[in-house]
Amino acid sequence: MKAQDDPRGRREEFINAAQKLFQENGVVQTTVNAIVKEGNVAKGQFYYYFNSMDDVIEAVSQKYSQQLRETLSQMASGTYEKRLNDFIDNAVVQFRLMWDQLSKETSGGDFSILAFRSMVSAKKAAAQFLTALLEEGNRMQKTDIPDPENFARMLIGGIADLTSRPEVQLEEIEKMVKNMIKSCRKDDRHE
């Protein structure tokens, strides 16, 4: 770890060192001393950036879910239908990528704590974004979803679960989610 004047850069170096050690040894076997040794810095510097190992685990889990959040934040243009379809397609792909990355890295150790926290963070971000889209659909009278927040949580939970199963094709998941939302469209209901 090289000395940096930028505190965010130094913090990121600690996160990267912890991530490397988590991959090599697992979360449970990685200690503050090991992270400090990997970074070749004094232990006090570690505690300048983090209060505990729990803070480091949280920071690494946030890093894993960051790509999903970045992808979602870039989908702000287009028609409602295009944004909704883009969201579904991107969410499915990003959750599969996340599972693939986490599963490759868990082969060397216990990554369950990190995987759990990463997925919780990613599901929360995705559900918030989908809730906003579904609420917009209700306002535009494109959908009629009485509880968009819980509907979004249910869909995102399903996406996260199904993408963890390599045998399930992404296109199948996208089609299921789109059909569930389509069943809530006002113009597709037979009354």
Protein backbone atom coordinates (compact mmCIF):
# COMPACT_ATOMS: atom_id res chain seq x y z
CA MET A 1 0.00 0.00 0.00
CA LYS A 2 1.55 3.30 -0.99
CA ALA A 3 1.16 6.46 1.03
CA GLN A 4 -1.46 8.81 -0.35
CA ASP A 5 -2.46 12.31 0.56
CA ASP A 6 -6.09 11.60 -0.37
CA PRO A 7 -7.90 10.05 2.62
CA ARG A 8 -10.48 8.41 0.31
CA GLY A 9 -7.66 6.85 -1.69
CA ARG A 10 -6.02 5.49 1.46
CA ARG A 11 -9.34 4.14 2.69
CA GLU A 12 -9.85 2.45 -0.70
CA GLU A 13 -6.41 0.84 -0.38
CA PHE A 14 -7.46 -0.67 2.96
CA ILE A 15 -10.68 -1.92 1.37
CA ASN A 16 -8.75 -3.48 -1.52
CA ALA A 17 -6.29 -5.14 0.87
CA ALA A 18 -9.16 -6.52 2.95
CA GLN A 19 -10.95 -7.74 -0.16
CA LYS A 20 -7.79 -9.55 -1.32
CA LEU A 21 -7.37 -11.21 2.07
CA PHE A 22 -11.07 -12.12 2.26
CA GLN A 23 -10.68 -13.86 -1.11
CA GLU A 24 -7.53 -15.70 -0.04
CA ASN A 25 -8.40 -16.58 3.56
CA GLY A 26 -12.09 -15.95 4.06
CA VAL A 27 -13.70 -13.27 6.17
CA VAL A 28 -13.47 -15.11 9.47
CA GLN A 29 -9.74 -15.80 9.12
CA THR A 30 -8.83 -12.23 8.12
CA THR A 31 -7.74 -10.02 11.00
CA VAL A 32 -6.97 -6.34 11.39
CA ASN A 33 -3.32 -7.32 11.83
CA ALA A 34 -3.36 -9.17 8.51
CA ILE A 35 -4.89 -6.17 6.71
CA VAL A 36 -2.32 -3.83 8.29
CA LYS A 37 0.50 -6.21 7.31
CA GLU A 38 -0.84 -6.45 3.74
CA GLY A 39 -0.90 -2.66 3.57
CA ASN A 40 2.46 -2.24 5.28
CA VAL A 41 1.10 0.49 7.56
CA ALA A 42 0.70 1.11 11.27
CA LYS A 43 -2.36 -0.33 12.99
CA GLY A 44 -3.41 3.15 14.09
CA GLN A 45 -3.95 4.14 10.47
CA PHE A 46 -6.43 1.32 10.09
CA TYR A 47 -8.43 2.64 13.02
CA TYR A 48 -8.34 6.14 11.56
CA TYR A 49 -10.51 4.85 8.68
CA PHE A 50 -12.46 2.02 10.35
CA ASN A 51 -13.82 1.44 13.83
CA SER A 52 -13.78 -2.34 13.52
CA MET A 53 -13.56 -5.32 11.18
CA ASP A 54 -17.32 -5.04 10.85
CA ASP A 55 -16.83 -1.62 9.22
CA VAL A 56 -14.35 -3.14 6.75
CA ILE A 57 -16.73 -5.98 5.88
CA GLU A 58 -19.47 -3.41 5.26
CA ALA A 59 -17.16 -1.30 3.06
CA VAL A 60 -16.18 -4.32 0.95
CA SER A 61 -19.82 -5.39 0.61
CA GLN A 62 -20.73 -1.88 -0.57
CA LYS A 63 -18.02 -2.16 -3.21
CA TYR A 64 -19.56 -5.38 -4.54
CA SER A 65 -23.00 -3.82 -4.92
CA GLN A 66 -21.69 -0.50 -6.32
CA GLN A 67 -21.74 -1.69 -9.94
CA LEU A 68 -25.47 -2.40 -9.70
CA ARG A 69 -26.14 1.04 -8.20
CA GLU A 70 -24.06 2.73 -10.92
CA THR A 71 -25.88 0.84 -13.67
CA LEU A 72 -29.27 1.78 -12.23
CA SER A 73 -28.37 5.45 -11.91
CA GLN A 74 -27.52 5.64 -15.62
CA MET A 75 -31.02 4.61 -16.76
CA ALA A 76 -32.79 7.94 -16.44
CA SER A 77 -33.80 8.58 -20.05
CA GLY A 78 -36.35 7.18 -22.46
CA THR A 79 -40.00 6.30 -22.23
CA TYR A 80 -41.42 4.69 -19.13
CA GLU A 81 -41.63 1.32 -20.87
CA LYS A 82 -38.04 1.53 -22.10
CA ARG A 83 -36.71 2.47 -18.67
CA LEU A 84 -38.71 -0.32 -17.04
CA ASN A 85 -37.47 -2.92 -19.53
CA ASP A 86 -33.91 -1.62 -19.29
CA PHE A 87 -34.12 -1.79 -15.50
CA ILE A 88 -35.30 -5.41 -15.57
CA ASP A 89 -32.67 -6.48 -18.10
CA ASN A 90 -29.86 -4.68 -16.29
CA ALA A 91 -30.91 -5.81 -12.82
CA VAL A 92 -31.00 -9.45 -13.92
CA VAL A 93 -27.56 -9.20 -15.55
CA GLN A 94 -26.02 -7.28 -12.63
CA PHE A 95 -27.33 -9.69 -10.00
CA ARG A 96 -25.98 -12.66 -11.97
CA LEU A 97 -22.61 -10.92 -12.32
CA MET A 98 -22.56 -10.24 -8.61
CA TRP A 99 -23.38 -13.85 -7.76
CA ASP A 100 -20.74 -15.09 -10.21
CA GLN A 101 -18.10 -12.80 -8.73
CA LEU A 102 -18.96 -13.69 -5.16
CA SER A 103 -19.15 -17.43 -5.85
CA LYS A 104 -15.73 -17.45 -7.56
CA GLU A 105 -14.23 -15.65 -4.63
CA THR A 106 -15.89 -17.81 -1.98
CA SER A 107 -14.13 -20.95 -3.15
CA GLY A 108 -11.06 -19.96 -1.10
CA GLY A 109 -12.79 -19.23 2.17
CA ASP A 110 -15.85 -18.21 4.13
CA PHE A 111 -17.44 -15.38 2.21
CA SER A 112 -20.98 -15.86 3.51
CA ILE A 113 -21.05 -12.70 5.67
CA LEU A 114 -19.79 -10.60 2.80
CA ALA A 115 -22.11 -12.21 0.23
CA PHE A 116 -25.11 -11.67 2.49
CA ARG A 117 -24.32 -8.00 3.12
CA SER A 118 -23.55 -7.36 -0.54
CA MET A 119 -26.86 -8.86 -1.63
CA VAL A 120 -28.84 -6.97 1.02
CA SER A 121 -27.31 -3.70 -0.15
CA ALA A 122 -27.88 -4.47 -3.83
CA LYS A 123 -31.47 -5.63 -3.27
CA LYS A 124 -32.26 -2.48 -1.29
CA ALA A 125 -30.90 -0.21 -4.03
CA ALA A 126 -32.67 -2.12 -6.80
CA ALA A 127 -35.98 -2.22 -4.91
CA GLN A 128 -35.87 1.53 -4.30
CA PHE A 129 -35.27 2.18 -7.98
CA LEU A 130 -38.00 -0.23 -9.09
CA THR A 131 -40.44 1.21 -6.54
CA ALA A 132 -39.93 4.67 -8.05
CA LEU A 133 -40.53 3.28 -11.55
CA LEU A 134 -43.70 1.45 -10.47
CA GLU A 135 -45.02 4.53 -8.66
CA GLU A 136 -44.39 6.51 -11.84
CA GLY A 137 -46.30 3.86 -13.80
CA ASN A 138 -49.22 4.21 -11.39
CA ARG A 139 -49.20 8.02 -11.72
CA MET A 140 -49.13 7.72 -15.51
CA GLN A 141 -51.95 5.16 -15.24
CA LYS A 142 -49.82 2.58 -17.06
CA THR A 143 -49.94 0.21 -14.07
CA ASP A 144 -52.28 -0.39 -11.18
CA ILE A 145 -50.11 -1.70 -8.38
CA PRO A 146 -51.63 -1.04 -4.93
CA ASP A 147 -48.34 -1.44 -3.03
CA PRO A 148 -45.42 -0.66 -5.38
CA GLU A 149 -42.80 -0.87 -2.61
CA ASN A 150 -43.63 -4.43 -1.55
CA PHE A 151 -44.26 -5.51 -5.14
CA ALA A 152 -40.77 -4.21 -6.02
CA ARG A 153 -39.22 -6.00 -3.04
CA MET A 154 -40.89 -9.24 -4.09
CA LEU A 155 -39.66 -8.93 -7.68
CA ILE A 156 -36.11 -8.00 -6.67
CA GLY A 157 -36.00 -10.84 -4.15
CA GLY A 158 -37.06 -13.21 -6.92
CA ILE A 159 -34.46 -11.81 -9.30
CA ALA A 160 -31.73 -12.13 -6.67
CA ASP A 161 -32.74 -15.71 -5.88
CA LEU A 162 -33.11 -16.89 -9.46
CA THR A 163 -29.88 -15.29 -10.65
CA SER A 164 -28.00 -17.25 -7.97
CA ARG A 165 -28.94 -20.42 -9.86
CA PRO A 166 -26.68 -20.84 -12.90
CA GLU A 167 -29.08 -23.31 -14.51
CA VAL A 168 -31.78 -20.62 -14.84
CA GLN A 169 -31.32 -18.61 -18.03
CA LEU A 170 -31.31 -14.81 -17.72
CA GLU A 171 -33.89 -14.51 -20.50
CA GLU A 172 -36.28 -16.73 -18.54
CA ILE A 173 -35.96 -14.50 -15.47
CA GLU A 174 -36.44 -11.31 -17.51
CA LYS A 175 -39.53 -12.79 -19.17
CA MET A 176 -41.06 -13.86 -15.82
CA VAL A 177 -40.54 -10.43 -14.25
CA LYS A 178 -41.85 -8.57 -17.30
CA ASN A 179 -44.93 -10.81 -17.39
CA MET A 180 -45.63 -10.16 -13.70
CA ILE A 181 -45.46 -6.41 -14.27
CA LYS A 182 -47.46 -6.70 -17.49
CA SER A 183 -50.25 -8.42 -15.55
CA CYS A 184 -50.52 -5.18 -13.54
CA ARG A 185 -50.86 -2.90 -16.56
CA LYS A 186 -54.24 -1.30 -16.87
CA ASP A 187 -54.43 -1.71 -20.64
CA ASP A 188 -53.69 -5.46 -20.44
CA ARG A 189 -56.36 -6.33 -17.88
CA HIS A 190 -59.69 -7.73 -18.85
CA GLU A 191 -62.35 -6.32 -16.58
